[in-house]
Amino acid sequence: MTQHTTRTGKGTGPGALADVRVIELGQLLAGPYCGQLLGDQGAEVIKIEDPATGDPMRQWGREKPYGRSLWWPIVGRNKKSITANLRTPEGQQIVRDLIADADILLENFRPGTLEKWGLSYEELSAINPGLILVRVSGFGQTGPYAPRAGYASIGEAMGGLRYVVGDPDRQPSRTGISLGDSLAATFATLGALSALHSRESTGRGQVVDASIYESVFAYMESLIPEWEIGQYQRERTGPTLPNVAPSNVYPTMDDDSVLIAANMDTVFRRLAVAMDKPELAEDERYATHSARGGNAAELDQIIGDWAAGWAADALLEHLVEHGIPSGRVYTAKDILADPHFAAREAIVRLPDKTFGEFPMQNVFPKLSDTPGEVKWVGPDLGEHNTEVYQGILGYDDARMADYRERGII
């Protein structure tokens, strides 16, 4: 068996996971976003990509200045990229060599793929009993739908989200981002950290099974008992929530809009005072949460007429002074200009050899004693081959040359 050197990630940088090594086999977003989150908190993430094409995320995205994706530098950040053809025995052996001294193996292939390659958990855990295998898929590793291909859109629909998103007079909508993928990756991260904690007492790893549809379903609040017990089916309601008022977006006189959320009794009383209509809070149609919910349309009309007499900036300042939860519906331009984002360092800028300076979301959540860090943007394909194969696995020059010549790496 290959002799492994001391892991390069252990204790070499900030982050609560600085002593954790992750081998990432996934591609696109559902698996790699989990790797991004773990890397943000300091884990050493070694990403294995196909030597011919790499992760498709290297090419995805609406805008590609200089022919490069603006998405890959984010989802690939903090990762070490190596190449290996996993369809070959040599590529599969590379995985076995790497997991011998790894903590987590992350993959989001269709269920059964690892088994087909001789990389089942039973085989891998025989090499490393402490290994945690994180498996992200559309429908999970078991059940009648497990073998199906599953993307975020399908998981969002099956998990119940798509049906309730959008306006009631139109077909179900989407959220504008790959929410199902991100939710699955976030739950996969939670599972990985839980398994790491369990390993401290048991000494053994385990399998984390995170599906897209169940990750979406987990966020669906009281959807199930509302139907089974209350005989109520949630429907699309546009920008409002049924029986919750006022909580809506109101146009202003300068062609902007402001979101006002004042559905609690105490907050609504403050809003009534801010509107110079304190009597609204005493009106039986609006005095209680239930009453306001039942008369939401006419209440929205009253608030909308009032908001239309203000410019957005002045209205927001007035609402803040009265303690009313409120805000604009931000675009990227608004985020970049906002002082609160700046004060909390929510955006970090890193050097990039193509773009010069590359802005992206900073590490979140923020830990006070062991903060994570974005160390570098998504690397070039195979950028860390030498570091990993020779520095960690101890492969010699002849083996490297042979693998390159045969397209294995």
Protein backbone atom coordinates (compact mmCIF):
# COMPACT_ATOMS: atom_id res chain seq x y z
CA MET A 1 0.00 0.00 0.00
CA THR A 2 1.19 3.52 -0.78
CA GLN A 3 2.89 5.28 2.09
CA HIS A 4 1.15 8.55 2.91
CA THR A 5 2.83 11.67 4.16
CA THR A 6 1.40 13.86 6.90
CA ARG A 7 -1.69 15.47 5.51
CA THR A 8 -0.97 18.90 4.12
CA GLY A 9 -4.16 20.46 5.45
CA LYS A 10 -3.62 19.60 9.13
CA GLY A 11 -3.10 22.67 11.25
CA THR A 12 -1.81 24.78 8.37
CA GLY A 13 -4.49 27.43 8.23
CA PRO A 14 -7.53 28.92 9.90
CA GLY A 15 -10.80 27.11 10.25
CA ALA A 16 -12.41 24.61 12.56
CA LEU A 17 -11.87 21.82 9.99
CA ALA A 18 -8.19 22.46 9.29
CA ASP A 19 -7.32 18.88 10.28
CA VAL A 20 -9.92 17.30 7.98
CA ARG A 21 -9.16 15.94 4.51
CA VAL A 22 -11.99 15.66 1.97
CA ILE A 23 -11.81 13.83 -1.35
CA GLU A 24 -14.42 15.25 -3.71
CA LEU A 25 -15.59 13.14 -6.65
CA GLY A 26 -18.73 15.09 -7.48
CA GLN A 27 -19.48 17.56 -10.21
CA LEU A 28 -21.88 20.39 -10.99
CA LEU A 29 -23.36 21.78 -7.75
CA ALA A 30 -25.11 19.37 -5.37
CA GLY A 31 -21.88 17.65 -4.30
CA PRO A 32 -19.29 20.38 -4.95
CA TYR A 33 -21.17 23.00 -2.93
CA CYS A 34 -20.81 20.67 0.07
CA GLY A 35 -17.07 20.57 -0.67
CA GLN A 36 -17.06 24.36 -0.87
CA LEU A 37 -18.71 24.68 2.54
CA LEU A 38 -16.25 22.25 4.14
CA GLY A 39 -13.32 24.00 2.48
CA ASP A 40 -14.58 27.38 3.69
CA GLN A 41 -14.20 26.12 7.26
CA GLY A 42 -10.61 25.03 6.66
CA ALA A 43 -10.85 21.45 5.38
CA GLU A 44 -8.32 20.33 2.79
CA VAL A 45 -10.50 19.49 -0.21
CA ILE A 46 -8.91 17.45 -3.01
CA LYS A 47 -11.20 17.47 -6.01
CA ILE A 48 -10.82 14.69 -8.58
CA GLU A 49 -11.92 15.71 -12.09
CA ASP A 50 -12.08 13.98 -15.43
CA PRO A 51 -8.77 14.72 -17.24
CA ALA A 52 -10.51 15.40 -20.55
CA THR A 53 -13.27 17.79 -19.51
CA GLY A 54 -13.13 18.60 -15.82
CA ASP A 55 -16.19 19.63 -13.85
CA PRO A 56 -18.85 21.07 -16.21
CA MET A 57 -19.12 24.00 -13.79
CA ARG A 58 -15.91 25.26 -15.37
CA GLN A 59 -18.05 26.13 -18.42
CA TRP A 60 -21.46 26.90 -16.92
CA GLY A 61 -22.89 30.35 -16.33
CA ARG A 62 -24.78 32.98 -18.28
CA GLU A 63 -21.82 35.32 -18.69
CA LYS A 64 -18.35 34.03 -19.57
CA PRO A 65 -15.92 36.94 -19.99
CA TYR A 66 -12.65 35.77 -21.56
CA GLY A 67 -14.38 32.44 -22.19
CA ARG A 68 -14.33 31.52 -18.49
CA SER A 69 -17.20 30.75 -16.16
CA LEU A 70 -17.94 33.22 -13.38
CA TRP A 71 -19.42 30.35 -11.35
CA TRP A 72 -16.44 28.01 -11.19
CA PRO A 73 -14.15 30.37 -9.20
CA ILE A 74 -16.74 30.27 -6.40
CA VAL A 75 -17.77 26.60 -6.25
CA GLY A 76 -14.15 25.54 -6.84
CA ARG A 77 -12.64 27.86 -4.26
CA ASN A 78 -10.20 26.52 -1.67
CA LYS A 79 -10.02 23.19 -3.53
CA LYS A 80 -7.02 21.35 -4.93
CA SER A 81 -7.76 20.07 -8.43
CA ILE A 82 -6.31 16.78 -9.59
CA THR A 83 -7.31 14.72 -12.60
CA ALA A 84 -8.08 11.00 -12.82
CA ASN A 85 -10.13 8.86 -15.15
CA LEU A 86 -12.28 6.98 -12.66
CA ARG A 87 -13.48 4.59 -15.35
CA THR A 88 -10.05 2.95 -15.39
CA PRO A 89 -8.60 0.55 -12.80
CA GLU A 90 -5.71 2.96 -12.24
CA GLY A 91 -8.08 5.86 -11.59
CA GLN A 92 -10.06 3.76 -9.15
CA GLN A 93 -6.85 2.83 -7.37
CA ILE A 94 -6.04 6.51 -7.02
CA VAL A 95 -9.27 6.92 -5.06
CA ARG A 96 -8.33 3.99 -2.81
CA ASP A 97 -4.89 5.47 -2.20
CA LEU A 98 -6.33 8.87 -1.32
CA ILE A 99 -9.07 7.68 1.02
CA ALA A 100 -6.58 5.68 3.08
CA ASP A 101 -5.62 8.92 4.82
CA ALA A 102 -8.82 10.92 4.30
CA ASP A 103 -11.75 11.71 6.54
CA ILE A 104 -14.54 12.27 4.02
CA LEU A 105 -15.24 11.02 0.51
CA LEU A 106 -17.86 13.17 -1.21
CA GLU A 107 -19.72 12.08 -4.36
CA ASN A 108 -22.91 12.93 -6.22
CA PHE A 109 -22.98 10.35 -8.99
CA ARG A 110 -26.08 8.33 -9.76
CA PRO A 111 -26.50 5.62 -7.08
CA GLY A 112 -24.62 2.46 -8.00
CA THR A 113 -21.80 4.23 -9.84
CA LEU A 114 -19.22 3.81 -7.07
CA GLU A 115 -20.21 0.17 -6.68
CA LYS A 116 -19.74 -0.37 -10.41
CA TRP A 117 -16.21 1.03 -10.08
CA GLY A 118 -15.33 -1.25 -7.16
CA LEU A 119 -15.52 1.68 -4.74
CA SER A 120 -18.44 0.65 -2.55
CA TYR A 121 -18.42 1.77 1.05
CA GLU A 122 -17.77 -1.78 2.19
CA GLU A 123 -14.62 -1.91 0.07
CA LEU A 124 -13.47 1.59 1.02
CA SER A 125 -14.16 1.22 4.74
CA ALA A 126 -12.06 -1.95 4.75
CA ILE A 127 -9.14 0.30 3.80
CA ASN A 128 -10.12 3.12 6.17
CA PRO A 129 -12.72 2.21 8.84
CA GLY A 130 -13.00 5.84 9.87
CA LEU A 131 -13.96 7.04 6.39
CA ILE A 132 -17.20 8.99 6.05
CA LEU A 133 -18.86 8.61 2.66
CA VAL A 134 -21.14 11.53 1.81
CA ARG A 135 -23.52 10.63 -1.02
CA VAL A 136 -25.67 13.30 -2.65
CA SER A 137 -28.27 12.23 -5.20
CA GLY A 138 -31.64 13.17 -6.60
CA PHE A 139 -33.72 10.56 -4.78
CA GLY A 140 -31.41 8.94 -2.23
CA GLN A 141 -29.55 5.65 -2.22
CA THR A 142 -32.60 3.47 -1.57
CA GLY A 143 -36.21 3.27 -2.72
CA PRO A 144 -37.78 2.69 -6.15
CA TYR A 145 -36.62 6.04 -7.57
CA ALA A 146 -32.99 5.73 -6.44
CA PRO A 147 -31.60 4.73 -9.88
CA ARG A 148 -33.24 7.67 -11.63
CA ALA A 149 -31.30 10.71 -12.79
CA GLY A 150 -32.27 13.68 -10.64
CA TYR A 151 -31.54 17.36 -10.99
CA ALA A 152 -32.43 20.23 -8.67
CA SER A 153 -35.54 21.16 -10.63
CA ILE A 154 -36.97 17.65 -10.24
CA GLY A 155 -36.17 17.53 -6.53
CA GLU A 156 -37.74 20.95 -5.98
CA ALA A 157 -40.91 19.78 -7.71
CA MET A 158 -41.10 16.44 -5.90
CA GLY A 159 -40.22 17.98 -2.53
CA GLY A 160 -43.24 20.28 -2.72
CA LEU A 161 -41.49 23.60 -3.30
CA ARG A 162 -42.26 24.30 -6.95
CA TYR A 163 -46.02 23.99 -6.46
CA VAL A 164 -46.12 26.87 -3.96
CA VAL A 165 -43.72 29.26 -5.74
CA GLY A 166 -45.12 31.92 -8.08
CA ASP A 167 -48.37 33.71 -8.73
CA PRO A 168 -51.66 31.86 -8.28
CA ASP A 169 -52.85 32.51 -11.85
CA ARG A 170 -49.78 30.96 -13.47
CA GLN A 171 -47.91 27.68 -13.67
CA PRO A 172 -45.50 26.87 -10.82
CA SER A 173 -42.32 28.90 -10.97
CA ARG A 174 -38.72 28.48 -9.87
CA THR A 175 -36.69 30.53 -7.44
CA GLY A 176 -34.06 31.74 -9.93
CA ILE A 177 -31.20 29.76 -8.36
CA SER A 178 -30.42 26.04 -8.09
CA LEU A 179 -31.96 25.91 -4.65
CA GLY A 180 -32.47 22.15 -4.53
CA ASP A 181 -28.79 21.50 -5.20
CA SER A 182 -27.70 23.99 -2.55
CA LEU A 183 -30.10 22.64 0.05
CA ALA A 184 -28.93 19.07 -0.59
CA ALA A 185 -25.31 20.16 -0.28
CA THR A 186 -26.05 22.02 2.95
CA PHE A 187 -27.74 18.96 4.48
CA ALA A 188 -24.85 16.83 3.21
CA THR A 189 -22.49 19.15 5.08
CA LEU A 190 -24.59 18.85 8.23
CA GLY A 191 -24.50 15.08 7.87
CA ALA A 192 -20.74 15.06 7.34
CA LEU A 193 -20.13 17.13 10.46
CA SER A 194 -22.51 14.95 12.48
CA ALA A 195 -20.69 11.83 11.30
CA LEU A 196 -17.34 13.38 12.19
CA HIS A 197 -18.62 14.03 15.71
CA SER A 198 -19.95 10.49 16.02
CA ARG A 199 -16.60 9.10 14.91
CA GLU A 200 -14.93 10.73 17.90
CA SER A 201 -16.68 8.22 20.19
CA THR A 202 -17.05 5.21 17.90
CA GLY A 203 -13.87 5.43 15.85
CA ARG A 204 -15.85 4.42 12.79
CA GLY A 205 -17.14 6.30 9.79
CA GLN A 206 -20.52 5.89 8.17
CA VAL A 207 -22.55 6.76 5.07
CA VAL A 208 -24.36 10.10 4.80
CA ASP A 209 -27.30 9.80 2.39
CA ALA A 210 -28.51 13.26 1.27
CA SER A 211 -31.11 13.50 -1.47
CA ILE A 212 -32.26 16.63 -3.25
CA TYR A 213 -35.98 15.98 -2.91
CA GLU A 214 -35.78 15.26 0.84
CA SER A 215 -33.61 18.33 1.42
CA VAL A 216 -36.34 20.44 -0.17
CA PHE A 217 -39.06 18.54 1.66
CA ALA A 218 -37.36 19.23 4.99
CA TYR A 219 -38.01 22.95 4.46
CA MET A 220 -41.71 22.61 3.75
CA GLU A 221 -42.86 23.63 7.21
CA SER A 222 -46.32 22.26 8.15
CA LEU A 223 -47.29 21.28 4.60
CA ILE A 224 -48.09 17.66 5.46
CA PRO A 225 -50.26 18.06 8.59
CA GLU A 226 -52.05 21.00 6.96
CA TRP A 227 -53.28 18.57 4.31
CA GLU A 228 -53.76 15.40 6.33
CA ILE A 229 -55.24 16.95 9.47
CA GLY A 230 -56.53 20.33 8.35
CA GLN A 231 -57.63 19.39 4.82
CA TYR A 232 -55.82 22.48 3.55
CA GLN A 233 -53.58 22.52 0.49
CA ARG A 234 -51.05 25.33 0.20
CA GLU A 235 -51.28 27.21 -3.07
CA ARG A 236 -49.19 29.79 -4.88
CA THR A 237 -49.72 33.23 -3.37
CA GLY A 238 -47.20 35.44 -5.15
CA PRO A 239 -45.41 37.89 -2.83
CA THR A 240 -47.73 37.30 0.14
CA LEU A 241 -48.43 34.53 2.64
CA PRO A 242 -52.03 33.47 3.32
CA ASN A 243 -53.45 34.99 6.49
CA VAL A 244 -50.28 36.98 7.17
CA ALA A 245 -50.67 40.73 6.75
CA PRO A 246 -49.29 43.20 6.17
CA SER A 247 -46.30 41.53 4.57
CA ASN A 248 -45.89 42.63 0.97
CA VAL A 249 -43.93 44.70 -1.51
CA TYR A 250 -45.31 48.21 -2.00
CA PRO A 251 -44.47 50.52 -4.94
CA THR A 252 -43.14 53.99 -4.16
CA MET A 253 -43.44 57.30 -5.97
CA ASP A 254 -39.96 57.02 -7.54
CA ASP A 255 -40.70 53.74 -9.34
CA ASP A 256 -38.99 51.72 -6.64
CA SER A 257 -40.58 49.41 -4.09
CA VAL A 258 -40.24 48.64 -0.40
CA LEU A 259 -41.02 45.42 1.42
CA ILE A 260 -42.90 46.00 4.68
CA ALA A 261 -43.42 43.16 7.17
CA ALA A 262 -45.60 44.31 10.05
CA ASN A 263 -47.86 41.33 10.70
CA MET A 264 -47.26 41.08 14.47
CA ASP A 265 -49.74 43.02 16.58
CA THR A 266 -47.10 45.19 18.26
CA VAL A 267 -45.35 45.94 14.98
CA PHE A 268 -48.61 46.76 13.22
CA ARG A 269 -49.44 49.28 15.93
CA ARG A 270 -46.09 50.95 15.26
CA LEU A 271 -46.83 50.96 11.53
CA ALA A 272 -50.24 52.54 12.12
CA VAL A 273 -48.55 55.34 14.06
CA ALA A 274 -45.92 55.75 11.33
CA MET A 275 -48.73 56.13 8.79
CA ASP A 276 -50.45 58.75 10.99
CA LYS A 277 -53.36 56.33 11.14
CA PRO A 278 -53.22 54.99 14.72
CA GLU A 279 -56.92 54.18 14.50
CA LEU A 280 -56.11 51.28 12.15
CA ALA A 281 -54.68 49.33 15.08
CA GLU A 282 -58.00 49.66 16.92
CA ASP A 283 -60.21 48.82 13.96
CA GLU A 284 -61.67 45.35 14.47
CA ARG A 285 -60.80 44.51 10.84
CA TYR A 286 -57.08 44.99 11.56
CA ALA A 287 -56.63 44.83 15.33
CA THR A 288 -55.49 41.19 15.49
CA HIS A 289 -53.29 38.91 13.44
CA SER A 290 -56.26 36.81 12.35
CA ALA A 291 -58.35 39.84 11.44
CA ARG A 292 -55.58 41.34 9.35
CA GLY A 293 -55.09 38.03 7.58
CA GLY A 294 -58.75 37.91 6.69
CA ASN A 295 -58.73 41.47 5.36
CA ALA A 296 -55.29 41.45 3.75
CA ALA A 297 -56.37 42.80 0.35
CA GLU A 298 -57.99 45.98 1.65
CA LEU A 299 -55.19 46.51 4.18
CA ASP A 300 -52.60 46.19 1.41
CA GLN A 301 -54.53 48.80 -0.57
CA ILE A 302 -54.41 51.25 2.36
CA ILE A 303 -50.68 50.72 2.93
CA GLY A 304 -49.99 50.79 -0.81
CA ASP A 305 -51.73 54.13 -1.23
CA TRP A 306 -49.71 55.53 1.66
CA ALA A 307 -46.37 54.13 0.41
CA ALA A 308 -46.99 55.55 -3.08
CA GLY A 309 -46.66 59.04 -1.62
CA TRP A 310 -43.06 58.45 -0.56
CA ALA A 311 -39.71 58.10 -2.28
CA ALA A 312 -38.16 54.74 -1.38
CA ASP A 313 -35.17 56.11 0.57
CA ALA A 314 -37.31 58.44 2.65
CA LEU A 315 -39.89 55.73 3.29
CA LEU A 316 -37.26 53.27 4.46
CA GLU A 317 -35.72 55.83 6.80
CA HIS A 318 -39.16 56.62 8.22
CA LEU A 319 -39.98 52.94 8.74
CA VAL A 320 -36.65 52.24 10.44
CA GLU A 321 -37.23 55.16 12.82
CA HIS A 322 -40.51 53.54 13.85
CA GLY A 323 -39.04 50.06 14.25
CA ILE A 324 -40.82 48.52 11.26
CA PRO A 325 -39.09 45.57 9.53
CA SER A 326 -38.60 46.83 5.98
CA GLY A 327 -36.18 46.80 3.10
CA ARG A 328 -35.63 46.87 -0.62
CA VAL A 329 -35.65 43.84 -2.88
CA TYR A 330 -31.93 43.79 -3.66
CA THR A 331 -30.13 43.12 -6.90
CA ALA A 332 -26.40 42.42 -7.13
CA LYS A 333 -25.82 46.15 -7.68
CA ASP A 334 -27.67 46.96 -4.45
CA ILE A 335 -25.71 44.34 -2.50
CA LEU A 336 -22.38 45.74 -3.66
CA ALA A 337 -23.40 49.27 -2.63
CA ASP A 338 -24.86 48.41 0.76
CA PRO A 339 -22.85 49.52 3.82
CA HIS A 340 -24.07 46.64 5.97
CA PHE A 341 -22.66 44.05 3.57
CA ALA A 342 -19.39 45.99 3.63
CA ALA A 343 -19.27 46.31 7.42
CA ARG A 344 -19.73 42.56 7.88
CA GLU A 345 -17.24 41.76 5.11
CA ALA A 346 -19.87 39.64 3.38
CA ILE A 347 -18.06 40.02 0.06
CA VAL A 348 -14.43 39.02 -0.34
CA ARG A 349 -12.17 39.85 -3.28
CA LEU A 350 -9.42 37.50 -4.40
CA PRO A 351 -6.74 37.67 -7.07
CA ASP A 352 -7.54 35.85 -10.30
CA LYS A 353 -5.09 35.53 -13.17
CA THR A 354 -7.83 36.11 -15.76
CA PHE A 355 -10.16 38.61 -14.11
CA GLY A 356 -7.65 40.39 -11.89
CA GLU A 357 -9.83 40.86 -8.83
CA PHE A 358 -12.69 38.43 -8.32
CA PRO A 359 -15.58 39.28 -5.91
CA MET A 360 -17.64 36.57 -4.24
CA GLN A 361 -19.56 35.71 -1.08
CA ASN A 362 -17.36 35.38 1.99
CA VAL A 363 -17.32 32.41 4.36
CA PHE A 364 -20.54 31.93 6.30
CA PRO A 365 -21.44 31.26 9.07
CA LYS A 366 -18.90 33.31 11.00
CA LEU A 367 -17.10 31.52 13.83
CA SER A 368 -15.53 33.77 16.47
CA ASP A 369 -12.51 31.61 17.40
CA THR A 370 -11.91 29.49 14.32
CA PRO A 371 -12.95 31.58 11.34
CA GLY A 372 -12.73 30.04 7.92
CA GLU A 373 -11.15 31.73 4.93
CA VAL A 374 -11.37 31.88 1.16
CA LYS A 375 -7.75 31.21 0.25
CA TRP A 376 -7.96 31.00 -3.54
CA VAL A 377 -10.45 30.90 -6.39
CA GLY A 378 -11.33 27.72 -8.27
CA PRO A 379 -8.04 26.28 -9.60
CA ASP A 380 -7.06 25.27 -13.11
CA LEU A 381 -7.83 21.69 -14.13
CA GLY A 382 -5.15 19.42 -12.66
CA GLU A 383 -3.32 22.33 -11.05
CA HIS A 384 -2.44 20.26 -7.98
CA ASN A 385 -1.53 16.97 -9.66
CA THR A 386 2.12 17.13 -8.68
CA GLU A 387 1.43 18.30 -5.13
CA VAL A 388 -1.07 15.53 -4.45
CA TYR A 389 0.25 12.60 -6.46
CA GLN A 390 3.91 13.07 -5.63
CA GLY A 391 3.80 15.11 -2.43
CA ILE A 392 1.01 13.17 -0.71
CA LEU A 393 0.81 9.77 -2.42
CA GLY A 394 4.48 9.48 -3.28
CA TYR A 395 4.05 8.53 -6.94
CA ASP A 396 7.38 8.69 -8.79
CA ASP A 397 8.11 10.52 -12.04
CA ALA A 398 7.85 7.38 -14.16
CA ARG A 399 4.40 6.56 -12.87
CA MET A 400 3.25 10.14 -13.42
CA ALA A 401 4.57 10.15 -16.98
CA ASP A 402 2.91 6.81 -17.72
CA TYR A 403 -0.44 7.97 -16.36
CA ARG A 404 -0.28 11.19 -18.37
CA GLU A 405 0.60 9.38 -21.57
CA ARG A 406 -2.34 6.98 -21.17
CA GLY A 407 -4.82 9.70 -20.24
CA ILE A 408 -5.37 8.38 -16.73
CA ILE A 409 -4.48 11.77 -15.25
